[in-house]
């Protein structure tokens, strides 16, 4: 039984367990596999970066309130964040790195910056 190259589909000559016809096909196959595997992480990182940039843009002073729809219109995706901070009163702050938000009501979001809140910094350093 002849082996077929996993990259180009040509017949492979040599050992019975050989999977590629040459080093170029082996390298090309492994490179394309890595690109596919890493694409998932790239998409998540892009979403996180976009969320963080939107938070920075909407919150230049370190603490402000904005409308939920304003964040959505700018492309903010509430499904992507890097950490959650739970307060003693069970409020949940969601963070994209140092930039965070708390949903106060259905339409109002409080935006914060982590370094501006010592209590959050102390809790995150534990």
C-alpha atoms as a PDB file:
ATOM      1  CA  UNK A   1       0.000   0.000   0.000  1.00  0.00           C
ATOM      2  CA  UNK A   2       1.398   3.386  -1.036  1.00  0.00           C
ATOM      3  CA  UNK A   3       1.357   6.380   1.276  1.00  0.00           C
ATOM      4  CA  UNK A   4      -0.035   9.716   0.110  1.00  0.00           C
ATOM      5  CA  UNK A   5       1.572  13.032   1.144  1.00  0.00           C
ATOM      6  CA  UNK A   6      -0.641  14.817   3.696  1.00  0.00           C
ATOM      7  CA  UNK A   7       0.223  18.162   2.124  1.00  0.00           C
ATOM      8  CA  UNK A   8       0.206  17.805  -1.662  1.00  0.00           C
ATOM      9  CA  UNK A   9      -1.529  14.441  -2.148  1.00  0.00           C
ATOM     10  CA  UNK A  10       1.265  12.904  -4.222  1.00  0.00           C
ATOM     11  CA  UNK A  11       2.618   9.415  -3.653  1.00  0.00           C
ATOM     12  CA  UNK A  12       5.282   9.210  -0.935  1.00  0.00           C
ATOM     13  CA  UNK A  13       8.394   7.112  -1.566  1.00  0.00           C
ATOM     14  CA  UNK A  14      10.568   5.764   1.210  1.00  0.00           C
ATOM     15  CA  UNK A  15       9.771   4.376   4.644  1.00  0.00           C
ATOM     16  CA  UNK A  16       6.353   2.861   5.243  1.00  0.00           C
ATOM     17  CA  UNK A  17       5.530   5.400   7.987  1.00  0.00           C
ATOM     18  CA  UNK A  18       6.570   8.451   5.947  1.00  0.00           C
ATOM     19  CA  UNK A  19       3.764  11.057   5.748  1.00  0.00           C
ATOM     20  CA  UNK A  20       5.262  13.733   3.478  1.00  0.00           C
ATOM     21  CA  UNK A  21       7.101  13.620   0.190  1.00  0.00           C
ATOM     22  CA  UNK A  22       9.685  16.230   1.267  1.00  0.00           C
ATOM     23  CA  UNK A  23      10.595  18.824   3.900  1.00  0.00           C
ATOM     24  CA  UNK A  24       8.740  21.610   2.086  1.00  0.00           C
ATOM     25  CA  UNK A  25       5.450  19.654   2.204  1.00  0.00           C
ATOM     26  CA  UNK A  26       5.990  18.784   5.872  1.00  0.00           C
ATOM     27  CA  UNK A  27       6.705  22.418   6.720  1.00  0.00           C
ATOM     28  CA  UNK A  28       3.762  23.687   4.662  1.00  0.00           C
ATOM     29  CA  UNK A  29       1.376  21.191   6.279  1.00  0.00           C
ATOM     30  CA  UNK A  30       2.471  22.074   9.832  1.00  0.00           C
ATOM     31  CA  UNK A  31       2.345  25.806   9.087  1.00  0.00           C
ATOM     32  CA  UNK A  32      -1.232  25.603   7.779  1.00  0.00           C
ATOM     33  CA  UNK A  33      -2.273  23.528  10.822  1.00  0.00           C
ATOM     34  CA  UNK A  34      -0.828  26.133  13.190  1.00  0.00           C
ATOM     35  CA  UNK A  35      -2.603  28.947  11.340  1.00  0.00           C
ATOM     36  CA  UNK A  36      -5.934  27.175  11.751  1.00  0.00           C
ATOM     37  CA  UNK A  37      -5.333  26.441  15.446  1.00  0.00           C
ATOM     38  CA  UNK A  38      -4.132  29.967  16.196  1.00  0.00           C
ATOM     39  CA  UNK A  39      -6.975  31.653  14.292  1.00  0.00           C
ATOM     40  CA  UNK A  40      -9.324  30.997  17.221  1.00  0.00           C
ATOM     41  CA  UNK A  41      -6.980  32.788  19.645  1.00  0.00           C
ATOM     42  CA  UNK A  42      -6.416  35.660  17.220  1.00  0.00           C
ATOM     43  CA  UNK A  43     -10.159  36.267  16.922  1.00  0.00           C
ATOM     44  CA  UNK A  44     -10.580  36.335  20.719  1.00  0.00           C
ATOM     45  CA  UNK A  45      -7.609  38.674  21.162  1.00  0.00           C
ATOM     46  CA  UNK A  46      -8.993  41.012  18.486  1.00  0.00           C
ATOM     47  CA  UNK A  47     -12.380  41.116  20.262  1.00  0.00           C
ATOM     48  CA  UNK A  48     -10.684  41.859  23.602  1.00  0.00           C
ATOM     49  CA  UNK A  49      -8.530  44.605  22.077  1.00  0.00           C
ATOM     50  CA  UNK A  50     -11.561  46.163  20.400  1.00  0.00           C
ATOM     51  CA  UNK A  51     -13.538  46.083  23.658  1.00  0.00           C
ATOM     52  CA  UNK A  52     -10.643  47.648  25.561  1.00  0.00           C
ATOM     53  CA  UNK A  53     -10.237  50.376  22.949  1.00  0.00           C
ATOM     54  CA  UNK A  54     -13.948  51.201  23.134  1.00  0.00           C
ATOM     55  CA  UNK A  55     -13.761  51.394  26.937  1.00  0.00           C
ATOM     56  CA  UNK A  56     -10.730  53.703  26.752  1.00  0.00           C
ATOM     57  CA  UNK A  57     -12.469  55.915  24.192  1.00  0.00           C
ATOM     58  CA  UNK A  58     -15.671  56.182  26.237  1.00  0.00           C
ATOM     59  CA  UNK A  59     -13.884  56.568  29.574  1.00  0.00           C
ATOM     60  CA  UNK A  60     -10.940  58.987  29.247  1.00  0.00           C
ATOM     61  CA  UNK A  61     -11.303  60.251  32.832  1.00  0.00           C
ATOM     62  CA  UNK A  62     -11.265  56.863  34.583  1.00  0.00           C
ATOM     63  CA  UNK A  63     -14.897  56.730  35.717  1.00  0.00           C
ATOM     64  CA  UNK A  64     -18.070  57.619  33.842  1.00  0.00           C
ATOM     65  CA  UNK A  65     -21.554  56.421  32.945  1.00  0.00           C
ATOM     66  CA  UNK A  66     -22.616  55.600  29.384  1.00  0.00           C
ATOM     67  CA  UNK A  67     -25.637  54.142  27.677  1.00  0.00           C
ATOM     68  CA  UNK A  68     -25.669  50.431  26.857  1.00  0.00           C
ATOM     69  CA  UNK A  69     -26.700  51.198  23.259  1.00  0.00           C
ATOM     70  CA  UNK A  70     -23.754  53.569  22.817  1.00  0.00           C
ATOM     71  CA  UNK A  71     -21.346  50.736  23.615  1.00  0.00           C
ATOM     72  CA  UNK A  72     -23.161  48.318  21.289  1.00  0.00           C
ATOM     73  CA  UNK A  73     -23.189  50.868  18.447  1.00  0.00           C
ATOM     74  CA  UNK A  74     -19.417  51.209  18.729  1.00  0.00           C
ATOM     75  CA  UNK A  75     -19.095  47.429  18.395  1.00  0.00           C
ATOM     76  CA  UNK A  76     -18.558  46.435  22.027  1.00  0.00           C
ATOM     77  CA  UNK A  77     -19.093  42.688  22.568  1.00  0.00           C
ATOM     78  CA  UNK A  78     -20.225  41.958  26.137  1.00  0.00           C
ATOM     79  CA  UNK A  79     -19.262  38.296  25.731  1.00  0.00           C
ATOM     80  CA  UNK A  80     -15.519  39.028  25.816  1.00  0.00           C
ATOM     81  CA  UNK A  81     -13.679  40.094  28.977  1.00  0.00           C
ATOM     82  CA  UNK A  82     -10.498  39.097  30.799  1.00  0.00           C
ATOM     83  CA  UNK A  83     -11.644  39.035  34.436  1.00  0.00           C
ATOM     84  CA  UNK A  84     -14.535  39.594  36.826  1.00  0.00           C
ATOM     85  CA  UNK A  85     -14.398  41.454  40.123  1.00  0.00           C
ATOM     86  CA  UNK A  86     -17.157  40.742  42.653  1.00  0.00           C
ATOM     87  CA  UNK A  87     -17.796  43.394  45.289  1.00  0.00           C
ATOM     88  CA  UNK A  88     -19.011  42.777  48.841  1.00  0.00           C
ATOM     89  CA  UNK A  89     -22.488  43.801  47.685  1.00  0.00           C
ATOM     90  CA  UNK A  90     -22.286  41.113  44.943  1.00  0.00           C
ATOM     91  CA  UNK A  91     -21.952  43.575  42.066  1.00  0.00           C
ATOM     92  CA  UNK A  92     -19.941  42.170  39.160  1.00  0.00           C
ATOM     93  CA  UNK A  93     -17.403  44.360  37.371  1.00  0.00           C
ATOM     94  CA  UNK A  94     -16.230  42.907  34.055  1.00  0.00           C
ATOM     95  CA  UNK A  95     -12.749  43.876  32.871  1.00  0.00           C
ATOM     96  CA  UNK A  96     -10.896  43.960  29.591  1.00  0.00           C
ATOM     97  CA  UNK A  97      -7.453  44.137  31.136  1.00  0.00           C
ATOM     98  CA  UNK A  98      -7.462  47.343  33.251  1.00  0.00           C
ATOM     99  CA  UNK A  99     -10.648  48.814  31.751  1.00  0.00           C
ATOM    100  CA  UNK A 100     -13.928  47.656  33.282  1.00  0.00           C
ATOM    101  CA  UNK A 101     -17.637  48.130  33.464  1.00  0.00           C
ATOM    102  CA  UNK A 102     -20.600  47.479  35.735  1.00  0.00           C
ATOM    103  CA  UNK A 103     -24.124  47.275  34.401  1.00  0.00           C
ATOM    104  CA  UNK A 104     -26.088  49.544  36.746  1.00  0.00           C
ATOM    105  CA  UNK A 105     -29.428  49.125  34.988  1.00  0.00           C
ATOM    106  CA  UNK A 106     -30.719  47.770  31.700  1.00  0.00           C
ATOM    107  CA  UNK A 107     -29.568  50.910  29.868  1.00  0.00           C
ATOM    108  CA  UNK A 108     -26.792  52.416  32.026  1.00  0.00           C
ATOM    109  CA  UNK A 109     -23.225  51.154  32.294  1.00  0.00           C
ATOM    110  CA  UNK A 110     -20.625  52.448  34.747  1.00  0.00           C
ATOM    111  CA  UNK A 111     -17.137  52.463  33.211  1.00  0.00           C
ATOM    112  CA  UNK A 112     -14.062  52.300  35.453  1.00  0.00           C
ATOM    113  CA  UNK A 113     -10.302  51.958  35.211  1.00  0.00           C
ATOM    114  CA  UNK A 114      -8.776  49.402  37.580  1.00  0.00           C
ATOM    115  CA  UNK A 115      -5.805  51.501  38.738  1.00  0.00           C
ATOM    116  CA  UNK A 116      -8.226  54.260  39.774  1.00  0.00           C
ATOM    117  CA  UNK A 117      -9.820  51.955  42.365  1.00  0.00           C
ATOM    118  CA  UNK A 118      -7.392  50.840  45.101  1.00  0.00           C
ATOM    119  CA  UNK A 119      -9.847  48.297  46.521  1.00  0.00           C
ATOM    120  CA  UNK A 120      -9.979  46.514  43.169  1.00  0.00           C
ATOM    121  CA  UNK A 121      -6.199  46.664  42.793  1.00  0.00           C
ATOM    122  CA  UNK A 122      -5.705  45.165  46.258  1.00  0.00           C
ATOM    123  CA  UNK A 123      -8.158  42.354  45.525  1.00  0.00           C
ATOM    124  CA  UNK A 124      -6.567  41.582  42.145  1.00  0.00           C
ATOM    125  CA  UNK A 125      -3.065  41.348  43.662  1.00  0.00           C
ATOM    126  CA  UNK A 126      -4.060  38.491  45.981  1.00  0.00           C
END
